[in-house]
Amino acid sequence: MDHRAVALSAGLTATVMLAVIASPVQAEARPTVHVRPQFGPAGTRVRVTGAGFPSGGPSCQYVTITFTDSAGTRTALGSKAPDPGGTFGARRDIPATAAVGMGAIRVTQWGYHPRLHSCRPMAGGARAPFEVTASATPQFPAPTLRVRPHKGPGGTGVRIRGYGFAGHTPPMCLGVFVIFTDADGVTTSIGSRAVALDGTFRMKRTVPAGAALGSGSFSATQRPIPQGRHCVGTASAAAAFEVTALEGRLAAAR
């Protein structure tokens, strides 16, 4: 055998092997999902970003986002269309009713099914953990109180209106209690009133006849959050009222 032919054949074989090693076939990137922040109370707003989601076809270019809490309850958080590079970003709220503990956000790619002529979820997808650290805290707007007129002698009739109180709690926690405190710090109960569903109430009452002259105030207090057999979570508001001398009655009435 010609030794030169053998050497040439060996050299070609080595070249081909080196070419294969130097140029490996690139595997398709697997989808990935990231969530920021990665923990917080129920109701936390998070940013969900994903990469490596291929286009599913002209009519199926979207992914769906879901959250599953530690109790296994799954909540749909909407959909998003990836860009041509297969990436997306979306801001979503963790459900306010999510159970405390480790949960997960899952992103599923949808694709076109030619036999069914419809969009169907594709195999795979990606997920990222999110830990619910606490239950959602009920949020109420800051209550306000208005009194008209805002001055007059003891015995003056007034109209009291409250806004921003909790009107969507159980009936046992719907009422507000109103008191009047005069310039000497003496407090007098004015009565109670139920709060409407829109968080307002109104009542007509009389300034105590023996109230000390000077700057006093009406205050309304509500404990809107039920806890067992009691109402807790005090919400309150106040409005000033100046008690004037008796001769000021006519001026206040005008």
Protein backbone atom coordinates (compact mmCIF):
# COMPACT_ATOMS: atom_id res chain seq x y z
CA MET A 1 0.00 0.00 0.00
CA ASP A 2 1.19 3.48 -0.78
CA HIS A 3 2.24 5.06 2.53
CA ARG A 4 1.43 8.49 1.14
CA ALA A 5 -2.18 7.45 0.47
CA VAL A 6 -2.56 6.13 4.01
CA ALA A 7 -1.18 9.34 5.49
CA LEU A 8 -3.49 11.44 3.30
CA SER A 9 -6.53 9.35 4.32
CA ALA A 10 -5.66 9.67 8.02
CA GLY A 11 -5.22 13.40 7.66
CA LEU A 12 -8.62 13.85 6.01
CA THR A 13 -10.29 11.75 8.72
CA ALA A 14 -8.70 13.87 11.47
CA THR A 15 -9.75 17.06 9.71
CA VAL A 16 -13.36 15.90 9.47
CA MET A 17 -13.38 14.91 13.18
CA LEU A 18 -11.97 18.28 14.20
CA ALA A 19 -14.56 20.04 12.09
CA VAL A 20 -17.36 18.09 13.79
CA ILE A 21 -15.96 18.86 17.24
CA ALA A 22 -15.44 22.53 16.43
CA SER A 23 -18.94 22.95 14.96
CA PRO A 24 -21.43 21.17 17.25
CA VAL A 25 -25.15 21.31 16.50
CA GLN A 26 -26.67 23.97 18.78
CA ALA A 27 -29.57 22.68 20.89
CA GLU A 28 -32.76 24.71 20.98
CA ALA A 29 -32.87 26.97 24.08
CA ARG A 30 -35.33 25.88 26.76
CA PRO A 31 -37.84 28.50 27.97
CA THR A 32 -36.99 30.29 31.21
CA VAL A 33 -39.04 32.49 33.55
CA HIS A 34 -37.96 34.96 36.24
CA VAL A 35 -40.13 36.70 38.86
CA ARG A 36 -39.18 39.84 40.81
CA PRO A 37 -39.68 40.13 43.73
CA GLN A 38 -39.63 36.46 44.66
CA PHE A 39 -41.62 36.84 47.88
CA GLY A 40 -44.18 39.13 49.51
CA PRO A 41 -47.71 39.22 50.94
CA ALA A 42 -50.77 38.24 48.96
CA GLY A 43 -51.64 41.00 46.50
CA THR A 44 -47.98 41.85 45.74
CA ARG A 45 -47.34 43.19 42.22
CA VAL A 46 -44.57 41.26 40.48
CA ARG A 47 -42.72 41.51 37.19
CA VAL A 48 -42.66 38.30 35.18
CA THR A 49 -40.06 37.99 32.38
CA GLY A 50 -39.53 35.07 30.05
CA ALA A 51 -37.12 34.03 27.30
CA GLY A 52 -36.88 31.17 24.82
CA PHE A 53 -40.57 31.00 23.94
CA PRO A 54 -40.88 30.24 20.20
CA SER A 55 -43.55 31.71 18.00
CA GLY A 56 -46.62 29.51 17.93
CA GLY A 57 -47.84 30.66 14.52
CA PRO A 58 -49.75 33.71 13.25
CA SER A 59 -52.83 33.00 15.37
CA CYS A 60 -51.12 31.58 18.48
CA GLN A 61 -48.32 33.95 19.33
CA TYR A 62 -48.94 34.19 23.07
CA VAL A 63 -48.21 32.63 26.43
CA THR A 64 -50.53 32.24 29.42
CA ILE A 65 -49.48 33.06 32.99
CA THR A 66 -50.91 31.30 36.05
CA PHE A 67 -50.19 31.32 39.78
CA THR A 68 -50.60 28.28 42.01
CA ASP A 69 -50.47 28.85 45.77
CA SER A 70 -49.32 26.49 48.51
CA ALA A 71 -52.86 25.09 48.85
CA GLY A 72 -52.91 24.12 45.17
CA THR A 73 -55.33 26.85 44.09
CA ARG A 74 -54.56 27.98 40.54
CA THR A 75 -55.39 31.49 39.33
CA ALA A 76 -55.11 32.75 35.76
CA LEU A 77 -53.05 35.96 35.48
CA GLY A 78 -53.72 36.66 31.82
CA SER A 79 -51.68 36.26 28.65
CA LYS A 80 -48.84 38.00 26.85
CA ALA A 81 -47.40 37.92 23.33
CA PRO A 82 -43.63 37.27 23.12
CA ASP A 83 -41.58 39.48 20.82
CA PRO A 84 -39.90 38.03 17.68
CA GLY A 85 -36.91 37.05 19.84
CA GLY A 86 -39.09 34.88 22.08
CA THR A 87 -38.97 37.16 25.15
CA PHE A 88 -41.72 38.95 27.07
CA GLY A 89 -42.29 41.05 30.21
CA ALA A 90 -45.49 41.49 32.18
CA ARG A 91 -46.58 42.97 35.51
CA ARG A 92 -49.12 40.93 37.42
CA ASP A 93 -50.66 40.87 40.92
CA ILE A 94 -50.39 37.81 43.15
CA PRO A 95 -54.02 36.94 44.09
CA ALA A 96 -55.20 38.69 47.26
CA THR A 97 -56.67 35.37 48.43
CA ALA A 98 -53.45 33.37 47.92
CA ALA A 99 -52.56 30.97 50.74
CA VAL A 100 -49.42 31.68 52.76
CA GLY A 101 -46.45 29.52 51.73
CA MET A 102 -44.43 28.61 48.65
CA GLY A 103 -46.26 28.98 45.36
CA ALA A 104 -45.23 29.21 41.72
CA ILE A 105 -45.87 31.22 38.59
CA ARG A 106 -46.09 29.10 35.46
CA VAL A 107 -45.86 30.30 31.86
CA THR A 108 -47.29 28.09 29.11
CA GLN A 109 -46.63 28.49 25.40
CA TRP A 110 -49.59 28.06 23.08
CA GLY A 111 -49.28 26.72 19.53
CA TYR A 112 -51.45 26.02 16.53
CA HIS A 113 -52.81 22.47 16.21
CA PRO A 114 -53.27 21.81 12.48
CA ARG A 115 -55.70 18.90 12.87
CA LEU A 116 -57.93 20.70 15.38
CA HIS A 117 -57.47 24.05 13.66
CA SER A 118 -57.14 25.79 17.03
CA CYS A 119 -54.61 27.03 19.57
CA ARG A 120 -53.52 24.47 22.13
CA PRO A 121 -51.04 24.54 25.05
CA MET A 122 -47.68 23.09 24.05
CA ALA A 123 -45.61 20.67 26.12
CA GLY A 124 -42.95 22.15 28.35
CA GLY A 125 -43.28 25.75 29.50
CA ALA A 126 -41.43 27.18 32.47
CA ARG A 127 -42.08 28.11 36.09
CA ALA A 128 -40.57 30.30 38.82
CA PRO A 129 -41.19 30.19 42.59
CA PHE A 130 -42.95 32.92 44.58
CA GLU A 131 -43.41 32.72 48.35
CA VAL A 132 -46.52 34.30 49.89
CA THR A 133 -45.31 35.61 53.24
CA ALA A 134 -48.59 36.92 54.67
CA SER A 135 -52.27 37.28 53.93
CA ALA A 136 -53.50 40.45 52.27
CA THR A 137 -54.26 43.28 54.71
CA PRO A 138 -57.65 44.94 54.25
CA GLN A 139 -57.15 48.46 52.95
CA PHE A 140 -59.63 51.24 53.65
CA PRO A 141 -59.45 54.86 52.52
CA ALA A 142 -58.71 57.44 55.19
CA PRO A 143 -62.03 58.40 56.83
CA THR A 144 -63.10 62.05 56.96
CA LEU A 145 -65.78 63.85 58.97
CA ARG A 146 -67.68 67.05 58.18
CA VAL A 147 -69.87 69.08 60.56
CA ARG A 148 -72.21 71.95 59.57
CA PRO A 149 -72.37 74.51 61.05
CA HIS A 150 -68.86 74.41 62.50
CA LYS A 151 -69.57 76.80 65.39
CA GLY A 152 -72.40 77.88 67.69
CA PRO A 153 -73.54 77.85 71.34
CA GLY A 154 -74.37 74.74 73.35
CA GLY A 155 -77.61 73.21 72.12
CA THR A 156 -76.93 74.02 68.44
CA GLY A 157 -78.28 71.47 65.97
CA VAL A 158 -75.62 70.13 63.58
CA ARG A 159 -75.45 67.89 60.50
CA ILE A 160 -72.65 65.30 60.65
CA ARG A 161 -71.43 63.43 57.56
CA GLY A 162 -68.73 60.77 57.37
CA TYR A 163 -66.85 59.50 54.32
CA GLY A 164 -64.38 56.68 53.71
CA PHE A 165 -65.51 54.30 56.45
CA ALA A 166 -65.72 50.55 55.85
CA GLY A 167 -69.06 49.66 54.35
CA HIS A 168 -68.35 46.14 53.08
CA THR A 169 -67.77 44.29 56.35
CA PRO A 170 -70.30 42.06 58.17
CA PRO A 171 -73.27 43.89 59.78
CA MET A 172 -71.79 43.50 63.26
CA CYS A 173 -68.98 45.90 62.29
CA LEU A 174 -70.86 48.46 60.22
CA GLY A 175 -71.65 51.10 62.88
CA VAL A 176 -69.76 54.24 63.90
CA PHE A 177 -69.90 55.83 67.35
CA VAL A 178 -69.85 59.62 67.59
CA ILE A 179 -68.75 61.68 70.60
CA PHE A 180 -68.28 65.38 71.29
CA THR A 181 -65.31 66.68 73.27
CA ASP A 182 -65.49 70.28 74.53
CA ALA A 183 -62.68 72.74 75.33
CA ASP A 184 -62.35 71.35 78.87
CA GLY A 185 -61.87 67.79 77.60
CA VAL A 186 -65.32 66.62 78.70
CA THR A 187 -66.66 63.95 76.33
CA THR A 188 -70.32 63.31 75.58
CA SER A 189 -71.74 60.41 73.57
CA ILE A 190 -73.71 61.69 70.61
CA GLY A 191 -74.95 58.31 69.38
CA SER A 192 -74.21 55.71 66.71
CA ARG A 193 -75.04 55.21 63.06
CA ALA A 194 -74.81 52.44 60.46
CA VAL A 195 -72.41 52.94 57.55
CA ALA A 196 -73.77 52.60 54.02
CA LEU A 197 -72.13 50.26 51.49
CA ASP A 198 -70.34 53.23 49.90
CA GLY A 199 -68.59 53.97 53.22
CA THR A 200 -70.65 57.05 54.16
CA PHE A 201 -73.03 57.95 56.95
CA ARG A 202 -75.00 61.04 57.99
CA MET A 203 -76.81 62.08 61.13
CA LYS A 204 -78.36 65.13 62.83
CA ARG A 205 -77.44 65.77 66.44
CA THR A 206 -77.24 68.54 69.04
CA VAL A 207 -74.14 70.02 70.68
CA PRO A 208 -74.36 69.34 74.45
CA ALA A 209 -76.11 72.26 76.16
CA GLY A 210 -73.50 72.44 78.91
CA ALA A 211 -70.44 72.30 76.62
CA ALA A 212 -67.56 74.56 77.67
CA LEU A 213 -66.86 77.61 75.50
CA GLY A 214 -63.96 77.28 73.08
CA SER A 215 -62.61 74.81 70.54
CA GLY A 216 -64.19 71.39 70.72
CA SER A 217 -64.55 68.53 68.24
CA PHE A 218 -66.80 65.76 67.00
CA SER A 219 -65.19 62.38 66.40
CA ALA A 220 -66.52 59.22 64.76
CA THR A 221 -64.96 55.83 65.50
CA GLN A 222 -65.46 52.49 63.77
CA ARG A 223 -63.84 49.09 64.27
CA PRO A 224 -64.37 47.69 60.77
CA ILE A 225 -62.55 44.32 60.84
CA PRO A 226 -64.37 41.30 62.34
CA GLN A 227 -62.29 39.05 64.57
CA GLY A 228 -64.26 36.31 66.25
CA ARG A 229 -67.08 37.93 68.21
CA HIS A 230 -65.41 41.35 68.26
CA CYS A 231 -64.66 44.18 65.84
CA VAL A 232 -61.06 45.40 65.67
CA GLY A 233 -58.89 47.66 63.49
CA THR A 234 -60.06 51.07 64.65
CA ALA A 235 -60.82 53.69 61.98
CA SER A 236 -61.71 57.21 63.07
CA ALA A 237 -62.08 60.81 61.93
CA ALA A 238 -62.68 64.15 63.64
CA ALA A 239 -64.02 67.60 62.80
CA ALA A 240 -63.64 70.82 64.79
CA PHE A 241 -66.56 72.70 66.34
CA GLU A 242 -66.25 75.95 68.26
CA VAL A 243 -68.69 76.48 71.12
CA THR A 244 -69.58 80.18 71.26
CA ALA A 245 -71.51 82.29 73.75
CA LEU A 246 -75.30 82.13 73.69
CA GLU A 247 -75.62 85.41 71.78
CA GLY A 248 -73.82 83.77 68.86
CA ARG A 249 -76.80 81.54 68.14
CA LEU A 250 -78.42 83.94 65.67
CA ALA A 251 -75.14 84.49 63.79
CA ALA A 252 -74.56 80.76 63.47
CA ALA A 253 -78.09 80.23 62.12
CA ARG A 254 -77.69 82.73 59.27
